[in-house]
Amino acid sequence: MKLLFADDDPDIRRGVTTLLQRSGYTVDAVSNGRDALTYLINGDYDAAILDIMMPGMSGLDVLTQIRERGMGTSVMLLTALGEVDDRVTGFDTGADDYLPKPFAGKELVSRVRALLRRTESYTPDVCTFGDVQLDSGSYTLSCGDKSVRLGNKGFQLMQMLMRNPKKIISANEFMEHIWGWDSEAEINVVFTNISFMRKNLAKIGSKVKIRVVRNAGYLLSYGDEK
């Protein structure tokens, strides 16, 4: 899962980013509202955590802008204790949750998990393509009576392919969605994970293939499909 975190306090930004990464999330962190809006418009995030009081553009302004664009990204607002009016405005604008400062790290992670569960309720727990199924609850890829459990990155890569079976997905798109803009990983990590996934498909006896489209990217095919 990929998150955007926006807060102008560098200590909070570092601490929350580290906490969320240790909890298994990919995180892009920014220090102001304008950058948050740019990232949300150009990125592909499962949820965003926005501090209300930020320089340049407030978290409420960012929320207003993305909702006006028809973006349904789940948003949690961080508010100062007692800012009731801001919380009401946030919900009226389209916020999904809020958390008053100061907050405990465990509570933030718990609220993020709840937020993402609500987001996932709009998508199936099991993706199917050809003769394979991908279970998001167990990270299991299966074909008939054979299955293999995937790691977090491999699962996300296969999920992207199976949810967009007719779409060519570039290596840069995989990189952006799974590893994040600020990741130190290099593009070769995508090629390595594609290779591992092909081996996993062969291991479970699937006829599903990950095809490469020259100078474009990857997509799934089944059997003799071209």
C-alpha atoms as a PDB file:
ATOM      1  CA  MET A   1       0.000   0.000   0.000  1.00  0.00           C
ATOM      2  CA  LYS A   2       1.272   3.449  -0.920  1.00  0.00           C
ATOM      3  CA  LEU A   3       0.694   6.494   1.314  1.00  0.00           C
ATOM      4  CA  LEU A   4       1.357  10.219   1.080  1.00  0.00           C
ATOM      5  CA  PHE A   5       2.215  12.000   4.327  1.00  0.00           C
ATOM      6  CA  ALA A   6       2.281  15.803   4.492  1.00  0.00           C
ATOM      7  CA  ASP A   7       3.434  17.776   7.545  1.00  0.00           C
ATOM      8  CA  ASP A   8       5.658  20.833   7.822  1.00  0.00           C
ATOM      9  CA  ASP A   9       7.315  19.683  11.075  1.00  0.00           C
ATOM     10  CA  PRO A  10      10.510  17.823  10.048  1.00  0.00           C
ATOM     11  CA  ASP A  11      10.651  15.748  13.260  1.00  0.00           C
ATOM     12  CA  ILE A  12       7.054  14.576  12.909  1.00  0.00           C
ATOM     13  CA  ARG A  13       7.606  13.929   9.209  1.00  0.00           C
ATOM     14  CA  ARG A  14      10.660  11.750   9.820  1.00  0.00           C
ATOM     15  CA  GLY A  15       9.100   9.925  12.757  1.00  0.00           C
ATOM     16  CA  VAL A  16       5.783   9.144  11.074  1.00  0.00           C
ATOM     17  CA  THR A  17       7.451   8.145   7.804  1.00  0.00           C
ATOM     18  CA  THR A  18       9.722   5.685   9.619  1.00  0.00           C
ATOM     19  CA  LEU A  19       6.785   4.320  11.643  1.00  0.00           C
ATOM     20  CA  LEU A  20       4.641   3.723   8.568  1.00  0.00           C
ATOM     21  CA  GLN A  21       7.496   2.172   6.600  1.00  0.00           C
ATOM     22  CA  ARG A  22       8.199  -0.227   9.461  1.00  0.00           C
ATOM     23  CA  SER A  23       4.506  -1.126   9.383  1.00  0.00           C
ATOM     24  CA  GLY A  24       4.882  -2.265   5.783  1.00  0.00           C
ATOM     25  CA  TYR A  25       3.731   0.785   3.822  1.00  0.00           C
ATOM     26  CA  THR A  26       5.425   2.655   0.999  1.00  0.00           C
ATOM     27  CA  VAL A  27       5.509   6.346   1.976  1.00  0.00           C
ATOM     28  CA  ASP A  28       6.171   9.603   0.150  1.00  0.00           C
ATOM     29  CA  ALA A  29       6.588  12.516   2.580  1.00  0.00           C
ATOM     30  CA  VAL A  30       6.281  16.233   1.763  1.00  0.00           C
ATOM     31  CA  SER A  31       6.518  19.390   3.859  1.00  0.00           C
ATOM     32  CA  ASN A  32       3.814  21.631   2.396  1.00  0.00           C
ATOM     33  CA  GLY A  33       0.366  21.621   0.833  1.00  0.00           C
ATOM     34  CA  ARG A  34       1.396  22.546  -2.691  1.00  0.00           C
ATOM     35  CA  ASP A  35       3.757  19.586  -2.929  1.00  0.00           C
ATOM     36  CA  ALA A  36       1.080  17.347  -1.424  1.00  0.00           C
ATOM     37  CA  LEU A  37      -1.373  18.397  -4.135  1.00  0.00           C
ATOM     38  CA  THR A  38       1.203  17.819  -6.886  1.00  0.00           C
ATOM     39  CA  TYR A  39       2.039  14.350  -5.585  1.00  0.00           C
ATOM     40  CA  LEU A  40      -1.618  13.370  -5.249  1.00  0.00           C
ATOM     41  CA  ILE A  41      -2.515  14.556  -8.748  1.00  0.00           C
ATOM     42  CA  ASN A  42       0.462  12.869 -10.394  1.00  0.00           C
ATOM     43  CA  GLY A  43       0.855   9.822  -8.170  1.00  0.00           C
ATOM     44  CA  ASP A  44      -1.205   6.765  -7.366  1.00  0.00           C
ATOM     45  CA  TYR A  45      -1.850   6.642  -3.628  1.00  0.00           C
ATOM     46  CA  ASP A  46      -4.072   4.372  -1.562  1.00  0.00           C
ATOM     47  CA  ALA A  47      -4.460   7.067   1.106  1.00  0.00           C
ATOM     48  CA  ALA A  48      -3.100  10.440   2.225  1.00  0.00           C
ATOM     49  CA  ILE A  49      -2.427  11.837   5.706  1.00  0.00           C
ATOM     50  CA  LEU A  50      -2.526  15.638   5.644  1.00  0.00           C
ATOM     51  CA  ASP A  51      -1.764  18.100   8.408  1.00  0.00           C
ATOM     52  CA  ILE A  52      -4.324  20.900   8.282  1.00  0.00           C
ATOM     53  CA  MET A  53      -1.890  23.716   9.091  1.00  0.00           C
ATOM     54  CA  MET A  54       0.808  23.776   6.412  1.00  0.00           C
ATOM     55  CA  PRO A  55       2.579  26.597   4.545  1.00  0.00           C
ATOM     56  CA  GLY A  56       1.546  27.461   1.004  1.00  0.00           C
ATOM     57  CA  MET A  57      -1.680  25.487   1.072  1.00  0.00           C
ATOM     58  CA  SER A  58      -3.508  23.957   4.013  1.00  0.00           C
ATOM     59  CA  GLY A  59      -4.525  20.339   4.251  1.00  0.00           C
ATOM     60  CA  LEU A  60      -8.151  21.437   3.870  1.00  0.00           C
ATOM     61  CA  ASP A  61      -7.284  23.290   0.652  1.00  0.00           C
ATOM     62  CA  VAL A  62      -5.511  20.189  -0.698  1.00  0.00           C
ATOM     63  CA  LEU A  63      -8.537  18.065   0.174  1.00  0.00           C
ATOM     64  CA  THR A  64     -10.866  20.548  -1.534  1.00  0.00           C
ATOM     65  CA  GLN A  65      -8.724  20.560  -4.682  1.00  0.00           C
ATOM     66  CA  ILE A  66      -8.573  16.777  -5.084  1.00  0.00           C
ATOM     67  CA  ARG A  67     -12.286  16.336  -4.413  1.00  0.00           C
ATOM     68  CA  GLU A  68     -13.096  19.010  -7.006  1.00  0.00           C
ATOM     69  CA  ARG A  69     -11.038  16.950  -9.455  1.00  0.00           C
ATOM     70  CA  GLY A  70     -13.166  13.909  -8.666  1.00  0.00           C
ATOM     71  CA  MET A  71     -10.350  12.052  -6.879  1.00  0.00           C
ATOM     72  CA  GLY A  72     -11.552   9.511  -4.339  1.00  0.00           C
ATOM     73  CA  THR A  73      -8.247   8.971  -2.510  1.00  0.00           C
ATOM     74  CA  SER A  74      -8.903   8.264   1.181  1.00  0.00           C
ATOM     75  CA  VAL A  75      -7.740  11.194   3.328  1.00  0.00           C
ATOM     76  CA  MET A  76      -6.988  11.468   7.033  1.00  0.00           C
ATOM     77  CA  LEU A  77      -6.553  14.977   8.453  1.00  0.00           C
ATOM     78  CA  LEU A  78      -4.259  15.816  11.365  1.00  0.00           C
ATOM     79  CA  THR A  79      -5.688  18.591  13.525  1.00  0.00           C
ATOM     80  CA  ALA A  80      -4.634  20.485  16.629  1.00  0.00           C
ATOM     81  CA  LEU A  81      -6.577  19.440  19.717  1.00  0.00           C
ATOM     82  CA  GLY A  82      -9.817  21.412  19.946  1.00  0.00           C
ATOM     83  CA  GLU A  83     -10.045  22.514  16.305  1.00  0.00           C
ATOM     84  CA  VAL A  84     -13.664  21.366  16.071  1.00  0.00           C
ATOM     85  CA  ASP A  85     -14.578  23.722  13.236  1.00  0.00           C
ATOM     86  CA  ASP A  86     -11.711  22.420  11.088  1.00  0.00           C
ATOM     87  CA  ARG A  87     -12.767  18.832  11.693  1.00  0.00           C
ATOM     88  CA  VAL A  88     -16.362  19.597  10.727  1.00  0.00           C
ATOM     89  CA  THR A  89     -15.186  21.440   7.613  1.00  0.00           C
ATOM     90  CA  GLY A  90     -12.916  18.532   6.775  1.00  0.00           C
ATOM     91  CA  PHE A  91     -15.730  15.991   6.909  1.00  0.00           C
ATOM     92  CA  ASP A  92     -17.977  18.304   4.898  1.00  0.00           C
ATOM     93  CA  THR A  93     -15.222  18.613   2.282  1.00  0.00           C
ATOM     94  CA  GLY A  94     -14.742  14.855   1.980  1.00  0.00           C
ATOM     95  CA  ALA A  95     -12.240  13.745   4.641  1.00  0.00           C
ATOM     96  CA  ASP A  96     -12.510  10.101   5.666  1.00  0.00           C
ATOM     97  CA  ASP A  97     -11.019  10.444   9.145  1.00  0.00           C
ATOM     98  CA  TYR A  98      -9.158  12.845  11.418  1.00  0.00           C
ATOM     99  CA  LEU A  99      -6.649  12.476  14.224  1.00  0.00           C
ATOM    100  CA  PRO A 100      -5.917  15.237  16.759  1.00  0.00           C
ATOM    101  CA  LYS A 101      -2.337  16.139  17.675  1.00  0.00           C
ATOM    102  CA  PRO A 102      -0.487  15.016  19.689  1.00  0.00           C
ATOM    103  CA  PHE A 103      -1.154  11.399  18.814  1.00  0.00           C
ATOM    104  CA  ALA A 104       0.354   8.037  19.716  1.00  0.00           C
ATOM    105  CA  GLY A 105       2.137   6.156  16.937  1.00  0.00           C
ATOM    106  CA  LYS A 106       0.143   2.986  17.587  1.00  0.00           C
ATOM    107  CA  GLU A 107      -3.125   4.876  17.198  1.00  0.00           C
ATOM    108  CA  LEU A 108      -2.005   6.432  13.904  1.00  0.00           C
ATOM    109  CA  VAL A 109      -1.087   3.028  12.451  1.00  0.00           C
ATOM    110  CA  SER A 110      -4.362   1.542  13.687  1.00  0.00           C
ATOM    111  CA  ARG A 111      -6.383   4.358  12.114  1.00  0.00           C
ATOM    112  CA  VAL A 112      -4.466   4.025   8.841  1.00  0.00           C
ATOM    113  CA  ARG A 113      -5.213   0.305   8.743  1.00  0.00           C
ATOM    114  CA  ALA A 114      -8.914   0.995   9.346  1.00  0.00           C
ATOM    115  CA  LEU A 115      -8.877   3.650   6.625  1.00  0.00           C
ATOM    116  CA  LEU A 116      -7.308   1.261   4.133  1.00  0.00           C
ATOM    117  CA  ARG A 117      -9.737  -1.527   5.052  1.00  0.00           C
ATOM    118  CA  ARG A 118     -12.601   0.787   4.147  1.00  0.00           C
ATOM    119  CA  THR A 119     -10.863   1.591   0.867  1.00  0.00           C
ATOM    120  CA  GLU A 120     -10.301  -2.090   0.105  1.00  0.00           C
ATOM    121  CA  SER A 121     -13.975  -2.842   0.722  1.00  0.00           C
ATOM    122  CA  TYR A 122     -14.652  -1.426  -2.721  1.00  0.00           C
ATOM    123  CA  THR A 123     -12.341  -3.946  -4.407  1.00  0.00           C
ATOM    124  CA  PRO A 124     -12.523  -7.751  -4.434  1.00  0.00           C
ATOM    125  CA  ASP A 125     -10.393  -9.709  -1.953  1.00  0.00           C
ATOM    126  CA  VAL A 126      -9.548 -12.159  -4.736  1.00  0.00           C
ATOM    127  CA  CYS A 127      -8.399 -11.121  -8.221  1.00  0.00           C
ATOM    128  CA  THR A 128      -8.804 -13.630 -11.041  1.00  0.00           C
ATOM    129  CA  PHE A 129      -7.192 -13.800 -14.471  1.00  0.00           C
ATOM    130  CA  GLY A 130      -7.052 -16.849 -16.712  1.00  0.00           C
ATOM    131  CA  ASP A 131      -6.361 -19.841 -14.472  1.00  0.00           C
ATOM    132  CA  VAL A 132      -4.845 -17.933 -11.527  1.00  0.00           C
ATOM    133  CA  GLN A 133      -6.259 -16.294  -8.424  1.00  0.00           C
ATOM    134  CA  LEU A 134      -4.565 -13.703  -6.208  1.00  0.00           C
ATOM    135  CA  ASP A 135      -5.795 -13.586  -2.616  1.00  0.00           C
ATOM    136  CA  SER A 136      -5.163 -10.213  -0.961  1.00  0.00           C
ATOM    137  CA  GLY A 137      -5.836 -11.655   2.491  1.00  0.00           C
ATOM    138  CA  SER A 138      -3.085 -14.276   2.358  1.00  0.00           C
ATOM    139  CA  TYR A 139      -0.861 -12.841  -0.437  1.00  0.00           C
ATOM    140  CA  THR A 140      -1.307 -16.197  -2.173  1.00  0.00           C
ATOM    141  CA  LEU A 141      -1.142 -16.780  -5.927  1.00  0.00           C
ATOM    142  CA  SER A 142      -2.838 -20.043  -6.883  1.00  0.00           C
ATOM    143  CA  CYS A 143      -3.646 -22.196  -9.909  1.00  0.00           C
ATOM    144  CA  GLY A 144      -5.782 -25.284  -9.314  1.00  0.00           C
ATOM    145  CA  ASP A 145      -4.437 -27.047  -6.226  1.00  0.00           C
ATOM    146  CA  LYS A 146      -1.013 -25.381  -6.394  1.00  0.00           C
ATOM    147  CA  SER A 147      -0.174 -22.078  -4.738  1.00  0.00           C
ATOM    148  CA  VAL A 148       2.722 -19.863  -3.751  1.00  0.00           C
ATOM    149  CA  ARG A 149       2.855 -17.131  -1.137  1.00  0.00           C
ATOM    150  CA  LEU A 150       4.200 -13.834  -2.441  1.00  0.00           C
ATOM    151  CA  GLY A 151       6.234 -11.170  -0.726  1.00  0.00           C
ATOM    152  CA  ASN A 152       4.804  -7.670  -0.331  1.00  0.00           C
ATOM    153  CA  LYS A 153       6.388  -6.165  -3.469  1.00  0.00           C
ATOM    154  CA  GLY A 154       5.686  -9.199  -5.637  1.00  0.00           C
ATOM    155  CA  PHE A 155       2.068  -9.205  -4.485  1.00  0.00           C
ATOM    156  CA  GLN A 156       1.631  -5.521  -5.356  1.00  0.00           C
ATOM    157  CA  LEU A 157       3.194  -6.048  -8.783  1.00  0.00           C
ATOM    158  CA  MET A 158       0.920  -8.992  -9.598  1.00  0.00           C
ATOM    159  CA  GLN A 159      -2.093  -7.141  -8.227  1.00  0.00           C
ATOM    160  CA  MET A 160      -1.428  -4.210 -10.564  1.00  0.00           C
ATOM    161  CA  LEU A 161      -1.229  -6.552 -13.549  1.00  0.00           C
ATOM    162  CA  MET A 162      -4.337  -8.534 -12.641  1.00  0.00           C
ATOM    163  CA  ARG A 163      -6.466  -5.480 -11.907  1.00  0.00           C
ATOM    164  CA  ASN A 164      -5.462  -3.976 -15.274  1.00  0.00           C
ATOM    165  CA  PRO A 165      -5.193  -7.061 -17.523  1.00  0.00           C
ATOM    166  CA  LYS A 166      -5.564  -5.174 -20.822  1.00  0.00           C
ATOM    167  CA  LYS A 167      -3.360  -2.245 -19.851  1.00  0.00           C
ATOM    168  CA  ILE A 168       0.349  -2.009 -20.639  1.00  0.00           C
ATOM    169  CA  ILE A 169       2.076  -1.029 -17.392  1.00  0.00           C
ATOM    170  CA  SER A 170       5.500   0.551 -17.706  1.00  0.00           C
ATOM    171  CA  ALA A 171       8.439  -0.158 -15.417  1.00  0.00           C
ATOM    172  CA  ASN A 172       8.208   3.452 -14.237  1.00  0.00           C
ATOM    173  CA  GLU A 173       4.562   2.950 -13.221  1.00  0.00           C
ATOM    174  CA  PHE A 174       5.505  -0.112 -11.178  1.00  0.00           C
ATOM    175  CA  MET A 175       8.348   1.857  -9.639  1.00  0.00           C
ATOM    176  CA  GLU A 176       6.140   4.809  -8.728  1.00  0.00           C
ATOM    177  CA  HIS A 177       3.244   2.827  -7.267  1.00  0.00           C
ATOM    178  CA  ILE A 178       5.147   0.091  -5.412  1.00  0.00           C
ATOM    179  CA  TRP A 179       8.482   1.620  -4.408  1.00  0.00           C
ATOM    180  CA  GLY A 180       7.595   5.314  -4.372  1.00  0.00           C
ATOM    181  CA  TRP A 181       9.169   8.443  -5.769  1.00  0.00           C
ATOM    182  CA  ASP A 182      11.601   8.819  -2.900  1.00  0.00           C
ATOM    183  CA  SER A 183      12.799   5.216  -2.869  1.00  0.00           C
ATOM    184  CA  GLU A 184      16.523   4.535  -3.199  1.00  0.00           C
ATOM    185  CA  ALA A 185      15.738   1.400  -5.216  1.00  0.00           C
ATOM    186  CA  GLU A 186      16.790   1.375  -8.869  1.00  0.00           C
ATOM    187  CA  ILE A 187      14.625   0.453 -11.856  1.00  0.00           C
ATOM    188  CA  ASN A 188      16.314  -2.970 -12.053  1.00  0.00           C
ATOM    189  CA  VAL A 189      14.261  -4.019  -9.036  1.00  0.00           C
ATOM    190  CA  VAL A 190      11.189  -4.064 -11.314  1.00  0.00           C
ATOM    191  CA  PHE A 191      12.872  -6.378 -13.826  1.00  0.00           C
ATOM    192  CA  THR A 192      14.002  -8.687 -11.019  1.00  0.00           C
ATOM    193  CA  ASN A 193      10.486  -8.930  -9.590  1.00  0.00           C
ATOM    194  CA  ILE A 194       8.989  -9.586 -13.039  1.00  0.00           C
ATOM    195  CA  SER A 195      11.455 -12.466 -13.447  1.00  0.00           C
ATOM    196  CA  PHE A 196      10.537 -13.900 -10.023  1.00  0.00           C
ATOM    197  CA  MET A 197       6.833 -13.630 -10.838  1.00  0.00           C
ATOM    198  CA  ARG A 198       7.274 -15.501 -14.114  1.00  0.00           C
ATOM    199  CA  LYS A 199       9.014 -18.286 -12.200  1.00  0.00           C
ATOM    200  CA  ASN A 200       6.172 -18.368  -9.666  1.00  0.00           C
ATOM    201  CA  LEU A 201       3.584 -18.686 -12.452  1.00  0.00           C
ATOM    202  CA  ALA A 202       5.526 -21.559 -13.957  1.00  0.00           C
ATOM    203  CA  LYS A 203       5.936 -23.157 -10.534  1.00  0.00           C
ATOM    204  CA  ILE A 204       2.167 -23.384  -9.996  1.00  0.00           C
ATOM    205  CA  GLY A 205       1.576 -24.624 -13.554  1.00  0.00           C
ATOM    206  CA  SER A 206      -0.300 -21.577 -14.812  1.00  0.00           C
ATOM    207  CA  LYS A 207      -0.808 -20.732 -18.478  1.00  0.00           C
ATOM    208  CA  VAL A 208      -0.759 -17.026 -17.602  1.00  0.00           C
ATOM    209  CA  LYS A 209       2.227 -15.146 -19.022  1.00  0.00           C
ATOM    210  CA  ILE A 210       3.692 -11.740 -18.273  1.00  0.00           C
ATOM    211  CA  ARG A 211       4.338 -10.349 -21.728  1.00  0.00           C
ATOM    212  CA  VAL A 212       6.782  -7.581 -22.489  1.00  0.00           C
ATOM    213  CA  VAL A 213       5.704  -4.960 -25.010  1.00  0.00           C
ATOM    214  CA  ARG A 214       8.858  -3.494 -26.504  1.00  0.00           C
ATOM    215  CA  ASN A 215       9.562   0.084 -25.390  1.00  0.00           C
ATOM    216  CA  ALA A 216       6.239   0.199 -23.517  1.00  0.00           C
ATOM    217  CA  GLY A 217       5.920  -2.152 -20.557  1.00  0.00           C
ATOM    218  CA  TYR A 218       4.186  -5.332 -19.424  1.00  0.00           C
ATOM    219  CA  LEU A 219       0.740  -6.931 -19.505  1.00  0.00           C
ATOM    220  CA  LEU A 220      -0.827 -10.319 -18.880  1.00  0.00           C
ATOM    221  CA  SER A 221      -1.835 -12.890 -21.473  1.00  0.00           C
ATOM    222  CA  TYR A 222      -3.385 -16.315 -21.123  1.00  0.00           C
ATOM    223  CA  GLY A 223      -2.612 -19.447 -23.098  1.00  0.00           C
ATOM    224  CA  ASP A 224      -1.960 -18.640 -26.762  1.00  0.00           C
ATOM    225  CA  GLU A 225      -3.172 -15.017 -26.550  1.00  0.00           C
ATOM    226  CA  LYS A 226      -0.974 -12.537 -28.337  1.00  0.00           C
END
